[in-house]
Amino acid sequence: MGPSGSAIIGVIVAVAVGAWLYLKPPATVGEQGLQRYMGFERNMEIVVLKNCEPPGCAAVYLTPTVGRKSLDATAKAVELSSQLAEQGIECFIVIGGEPIAEAVKRARGIRRPVVFDPNGDWAKDSGIEKAPYWIAWRTGGKVRLRSEEPVTAADVASAVR
């Protein structure tokens, strides 16, 4: 008289697993080539964040036009970038969601190399839904750390090694 209990449970489990697989963030960072701004009077260069130097890299994704939280995280991003540079780990400060002309004005105040993701494509492919966002990955793009809260240089170093 209808489906058995095990069939019902099997369907529920299959739906739950399918939803989890669909909603989980990607395990790798995006492969897009993004423009890196190194400073005034220097040409911008294209960089693919996925192909960073060993042992790995980190990024802080900021969207300053959306809210105050991203603007407040800029100082923490610069500090993290400096600490990781001392350890030989590259840290990208990524400004996303605003036109490059506006992002360049903002980047001049940061005084560190900055990468631009004007349309947010890299963020979408990397599983970043809102900014600020801290992410670390090994060379080749395998994500090892994700956080919506600031992380320390020690956290990133242990994640990528």
C-alpha atoms as a PDB file:
ATOM      1  CA  MET A   1       0.000   0.000   0.000  1.00  0.00           C
ATOM      2  CA  GLY A   2       2.505   2.664  -1.012  1.00  0.00           C
ATOM      3  CA  PRO A   3       6.256   3.052  -0.816  1.00  0.00           C
ATOM      4  CA  SER A   4       8.197   1.292   1.886  1.00  0.00           C
ATOM      5  CA  GLY A   5       9.872   3.126   4.748  1.00  0.00           C
ATOM      6  CA  SER A   6      13.345   2.384   3.414  1.00  0.00           C
ATOM      7  CA  ALA A   7      12.431   3.837  -0.002  1.00  0.00           C
ATOM      8  CA  ILE A   8      11.221   7.066   1.638  1.00  0.00           C
ATOM      9  CA  ILE A   9      14.369   7.334   3.746  1.00  0.00           C
ATOM     10  CA  GLY A  10      16.527   6.620   0.670  1.00  0.00           C
ATOM     11  CA  VAL A  11      14.878   9.452  -1.272  1.00  0.00           C
ATOM     12  CA  ILE A  12      15.303  11.880   1.654  1.00  0.00           C
ATOM     13  CA  VAL A  13      18.990  10.963   1.986  1.00  0.00           C
ATOM     14  CA  ALA A  14      19.538  11.314  -1.776  1.00  0.00           C
ATOM     15  CA  VAL A  15      17.899  14.763  -1.788  1.00  0.00           C
ATOM     16  CA  ALA A  16      19.981  15.864   1.218  1.00  0.00           C
ATOM     17  CA  VAL A  17      23.241  14.700  -0.390  1.00  0.00           C
ATOM     18  CA  GLY A  18      22.319  16.375  -3.674  1.00  0.00           C
ATOM     19  CA  ALA A  19      21.493  19.653  -1.925  1.00  0.00           C
ATOM     20  CA  TRP A  20      24.776  19.526   0.012  1.00  0.00           C
ATOM     21  CA  LEU A  21      26.789  18.923  -3.154  1.00  0.00           C
ATOM     22  CA  TYR A  22      24.989  21.751  -4.934  1.00  0.00           C
ATOM     23  CA  LEU A  23      25.348  24.295  -2.101  1.00  0.00           C
ATOM     24  CA  LYS A  24      28.893  23.588  -0.862  1.00  0.00           C
ATOM     25  CA  PRO A  25      31.529  26.110  -1.941  1.00  0.00           C
ATOM     26  CA  PRO A  26      33.951  25.122  -4.702  1.00  0.00           C
ATOM     27  CA  ALA A  27      37.120  23.314  -3.620  1.00  0.00           C
ATOM     28  CA  THR A  28      39.354  25.407  -5.903  1.00  0.00           C
ATOM     29  CA  VAL A  29      39.811  29.094  -6.634  1.00  0.00           C
ATOM     30  CA  GLY A  30      38.806  30.623  -9.955  1.00  0.00           C
ATOM     31  CA  GLU A  31      41.084  30.482 -13.003  1.00  0.00           C
ATOM     32  CA  GLN A  32      40.383  33.960 -14.378  1.00  0.00           C
ATOM     33  CA  GLY A  33      43.211  36.284 -15.258  1.00  0.00           C
ATOM     34  CA  LEU A  34      42.854  39.446 -13.183  1.00  0.00           C
ATOM     35  CA  GLN A  35      44.625  42.787 -13.487  1.00  0.00           C
ATOM     36  CA  ARG A  36      47.241  43.527 -10.815  1.00  0.00           C
ATOM     37  CA  TYR A  37      47.982  47.126  -9.933  1.00  0.00           C
ATOM     38  CA  MET A  38      51.531  47.513  -8.592  1.00  0.00           C
ATOM     39  CA  GLY A  39      51.547  51.280  -8.137  1.00  0.00           C
ATOM     40  CA  PHE A  40      51.423  54.628  -9.819  1.00  0.00           C
ATOM     41  CA  GLU A  41      53.482  54.879 -13.044  1.00  0.00           C
ATOM     42  CA  ARG A  42      53.697  51.095 -13.452  1.00  0.00           C
ATOM     43  CA  ASN A  43      51.781  49.074 -15.992  1.00  0.00           C
ATOM     44  CA  MET A  44      49.087  46.709 -14.865  1.00  0.00           C
ATOM     45  CA  GLU A  45      49.824  43.042 -15.439  1.00  0.00           C
ATOM     46  CA  ILE A  46      47.565  40.027 -15.739  1.00  0.00           C
ATOM     47  CA  VAL A  47      47.842  37.467 -12.957  1.00  0.00           C
ATOM     48  CA  VAL A  48      46.078  34.117 -12.489  1.00  0.00           C
ATOM     49  CA  LEU A  49      45.694  33.724  -8.733  1.00  0.00           C
ATOM     50  CA  LYS A  50      45.335  29.949  -8.998  1.00  0.00           C
ATOM     51  CA  ASN A  51      48.912  29.622 -10.308  1.00  0.00           C
ATOM     52  CA  CYS A  52      50.798  31.129  -7.383  1.00  0.00           C
ATOM     53  CA  GLU A  53      54.239  30.251  -6.049  1.00  0.00           C
ATOM     54  CA  PRO A  54      54.624  27.281  -3.668  1.00  0.00           C
ATOM     55  CA  PRO A  55      53.575  26.552  -0.969  1.00  0.00           C
ATOM     56  CA  GLY A  56      50.410  28.554  -1.609  1.00  0.00           C
ATOM     57  CA  CYS A  57      48.711  31.926  -1.471  1.00  0.00           C
ATOM     58  CA  ALA A  58      46.050  33.868   0.334  1.00  0.00           C
ATOM     59  CA  ALA A  59      43.637  36.597  -0.645  1.00  0.00           C
ATOM     60  CA  VAL A  60      41.457  39.089   1.095  1.00  0.00           C
ATOM     61  CA  TYR A  61      38.430  39.929  -1.039  1.00  0.00           C
ATOM     62  CA  LEU A  62      37.068  43.434  -0.461  1.00  0.00           C
ATOM     63  CA  THR A  63      34.065  45.153  -1.989  1.00  0.00           C
ATOM     64  CA  PRO A  64      34.356  48.706  -0.661  1.00  0.00           C
ATOM     65  CA  THR A  65      31.291  50.046  -2.466  1.00  0.00           C
ATOM     66  CA  VAL A  66      28.919  47.660  -0.678  1.00  0.00           C
ATOM     67  CA  GLY A  67      29.440  48.479   2.962  1.00  0.00           C
ATOM     68  CA  ARG A  68      31.536  49.827   5.777  1.00  0.00           C
ATOM     69  CA  LYS A  69      32.709  46.350   6.860  1.00  0.00           C
ATOM     70  CA  SER A  70      34.891  45.973   3.760  1.00  0.00           C
ATOM     71  CA  LEU A  71      36.417  49.418   4.238  1.00  0.00           C
ATOM     72  CA  ASP A  72      37.225  48.607   7.867  1.00  0.00           C
ATOM     73  CA  ALA A  73      38.860  45.308   6.828  1.00  0.00           C
ATOM     74  CA  THR A  74      41.333  47.054   4.524  1.00  0.00           C
ATOM     75  CA  ALA A  75      43.807  47.786   7.336  1.00  0.00           C
ATOM     76  CA  LYS A  76      43.683  44.147   8.488  1.00  0.00           C
ATOM     77  CA  ALA A  77      44.227  42.995   4.900  1.00  0.00           C
ATOM     78  CA  VAL A  78      47.310  45.194   4.517  1.00  0.00           C
ATOM     79  CA  GLU A  79      48.694  43.953   7.841  1.00  0.00           C
ATOM     80  CA  LEU A  80      48.111  40.303   6.882  1.00  0.00           C
ATOM     81  CA  SER A  81      49.718  40.883   3.485  1.00  0.00           C
ATOM     82  CA  SER A  82      52.846  42.324   5.113  1.00  0.00           C
ATOM     83  CA  GLN A  83      53.121  39.496   7.651  1.00  0.00           C
ATOM     84  CA  LEU A  84      52.716  36.818   4.993  1.00  0.00           C
ATOM     85  CA  ALA A  85      55.272  38.498   2.716  1.00  0.00           C
ATOM     86  CA  GLU A  86      57.817  38.124   5.526  1.00  0.00           C
ATOM     87  CA  GLN A  87      57.071  34.377   5.569  1.00  0.00           C
ATOM     88  CA  GLY A  88      57.362  34.029   1.781  1.00  0.00           C
ATOM     89  CA  ILE A  89      53.632  33.543   1.187  1.00  0.00           C
ATOM     90  CA  GLU A  90      51.963  35.785  -1.365  1.00  0.00           C
ATOM     91  CA  CYS A  91      48.793  37.517  -0.228  1.00  0.00           C
ATOM     92  CA  PHE A  92      46.549  39.234  -2.741  1.00  0.00           C
ATOM     93  CA  ILE A  93      44.274  42.098  -1.819  1.00  0.00           C
ATOM     94  CA  VAL A  94      41.401  41.779  -4.280  1.00  0.00           C
ATOM     95  CA  ILE A  95      39.055  44.696  -4.863  1.00  0.00           C
ATOM     96  CA  GLY A  96      35.884  43.482  -6.497  1.00  0.00           C
ATOM     97  CA  GLY A  97      32.536  44.764  -7.585  1.00  0.00           C
ATOM     98  CA  GLU A  98      33.549  48.216  -8.776  1.00  0.00           C
ATOM     99  CA  PRO A  99      34.875  49.661 -12.042  1.00  0.00           C
ATOM    100  CA  ILE A 100      38.649  49.570 -12.444  1.00  0.00           C
ATOM    101  CA  ALA A 101      38.969  53.370 -12.587  1.00  0.00           C
ATOM    102  CA  GLU A 102      37.357  53.678  -9.144  1.00  0.00           C
ATOM    103  CA  ALA A 103      39.298  50.685  -7.806  1.00  0.00           C
ATOM    104  CA  VAL A 104      42.612  52.246  -8.896  1.00  0.00           C
ATOM    105  CA  LYS A 105      41.817  55.358  -6.842  1.00  0.00           C
ATOM    106  CA  ARG A 106      41.150  53.147  -3.837  1.00  0.00           C
ATOM    107  CA  ALA A 107      44.262  51.030  -4.484  1.00  0.00           C
ATOM    108  CA  ARG A 108      46.512  54.088  -4.387  1.00  0.00           C
ATOM    109  CA  GLY A 109      45.551  54.539  -0.738  1.00  0.00           C
ATOM    110  CA  ILE A 110      46.369  50.924   0.130  1.00  0.00           C
ATOM    111  CA  ARG A 111      50.004  51.223  -1.032  1.00  0.00           C
ATOM    112  CA  ARG A 112      50.314  47.466  -1.666  1.00  0.00           C
ATOM    113  CA  PRO A 113      49.864  45.463  -4.877  1.00  0.00           C
ATOM    114  CA  VAL A 114      46.142  45.087  -5.513  1.00  0.00           C
ATOM    115  CA  VAL A 115      44.207  42.810  -7.863  1.00  0.00           C
ATOM    116  CA  PHE A 116      40.939  43.881  -9.509  1.00  0.00           C
ATOM    117  CA  ASP A 117      37.846  41.720 -10.008  1.00  0.00           C
ATOM    118  CA  PRO A 118      35.448  44.332 -11.432  1.00  0.00           C
ATOM    119  CA  ASN A 119      32.530  42.010 -12.225  1.00  0.00           C
ATOM    120  CA  GLY A 120      33.034  39.595  -9.331  1.00  0.00           C
ATOM    121  CA  ASP A 121      33.612  36.600 -11.629  1.00  0.00           C
ATOM    122  CA  TRP A 122      36.644  35.323  -9.691  1.00  0.00           C
ATOM    123  CA  ALA A 123      34.715  35.622  -6.436  1.00  0.00           C
ATOM    124  CA  LYS A 124      31.768  33.638  -7.801  1.00  0.00           C
ATOM    125  CA  ASP A 125      34.023  30.880  -9.132  1.00  0.00           C
ATOM    126  CA  SER A 126      35.888  30.764  -5.810  1.00  0.00           C
ATOM    127  CA  GLY A 127      32.734  30.504  -3.685  1.00  0.00           C
ATOM    128  CA  ILE A 128      32.887  33.998  -2.200  1.00  0.00           C
ATOM    129  CA  GLU A 129      29.408  35.379  -1.642  1.00  0.00           C
ATOM    130  CA  LYS A 130      30.089  38.546   0.328  1.00  0.00           C
ATOM    131  CA  ALA A 131      33.004  40.706   1.379  1.00  0.00           C
ATOM    132  CA  PRO A 132      35.218  40.971   3.291  1.00  0.00           C
ATOM    133  CA  TYR A 133      36.376  37.387   2.873  1.00  0.00           C
ATOM    134  CA  TRP A 134      39.659  35.659   3.700  1.00  0.00           C
ATOM    135  CA  ILE A 135      40.713  32.636   1.650  1.00  0.00           C
ATOM    136  CA  ALA A 136      43.933  30.607   1.383  1.00  0.00           C
ATOM    137  CA  TRP A 137      44.903  27.908  -1.097  1.00  0.00           C
ATOM    138  CA  ARG A 138      47.801  25.729  -2.104  1.00  0.00           C
ATOM    139  CA  THR A 139      49.615  26.127  -5.405  1.00  0.00           C
ATOM    140  CA  GLY A 140      47.227  24.767  -8.033  1.00  0.00           C
ATOM    141  CA  GLY A 141      44.150  26.282  -6.414  1.00  0.00           C
ATOM    142  CA  LYS A 142      43.025  23.760  -3.758  1.00  0.00           C
ATOM    143  CA  VAL A 143      41.307  25.843  -1.071  1.00  0.00           C
ATOM    144  CA  ARG A 144      42.564  25.142   2.443  1.00  0.00           C
ATOM    145  CA  LEU A 145      41.016  28.005   4.474  1.00  0.00           C
ATOM    146  CA  ARG A 146      37.858  30.097   4.183  1.00  0.00           C
ATOM    147  CA  SER A 147      36.656  32.732   6.611  1.00  0.00           C
ATOM    148  CA  GLU A 148      34.329  35.686   6.757  1.00  0.00           C
ATOM    149  CA  GLU A 149      36.277  36.910   9.787  1.00  0.00           C
ATOM    150  CA  PRO A 150      39.908  38.117   9.786  1.00  0.00           C
ATOM    151  CA  VAL A 151      42.547  35.386  10.053  1.00  0.00           C
ATOM    152  CA  THR A 152      46.112  35.527  11.314  1.00  0.00           C
ATOM    153  CA  ALA A 153      49.286  34.939   9.349  1.00  0.00           C
ATOM    154  CA  ALA A 154      49.865  31.787  11.431  1.00  0.00           C
ATOM    155  CA  ASP A 155      46.435  30.435  10.393  1.00  0.00           C
ATOM    156  CA  VAL A 156      47.203  30.988   6.713  1.00  0.00           C
ATOM    157  CA  ALA A 157      50.732  29.577   6.958  1.00  0.00           C
ATOM    158  CA  SER A 158      49.541  26.375   8.636  1.00  0.00           C
ATOM    159  CA  ALA A 159      46.715  26.008   6.089  1.00  0.00           C
ATOM    160  CA  VAL A 160      48.896  26.258   2.983  1.00  0.00           C
ATOM    161  CA  ARG A 161      51.791  24.144   4.239  1.00  0.00           C
END
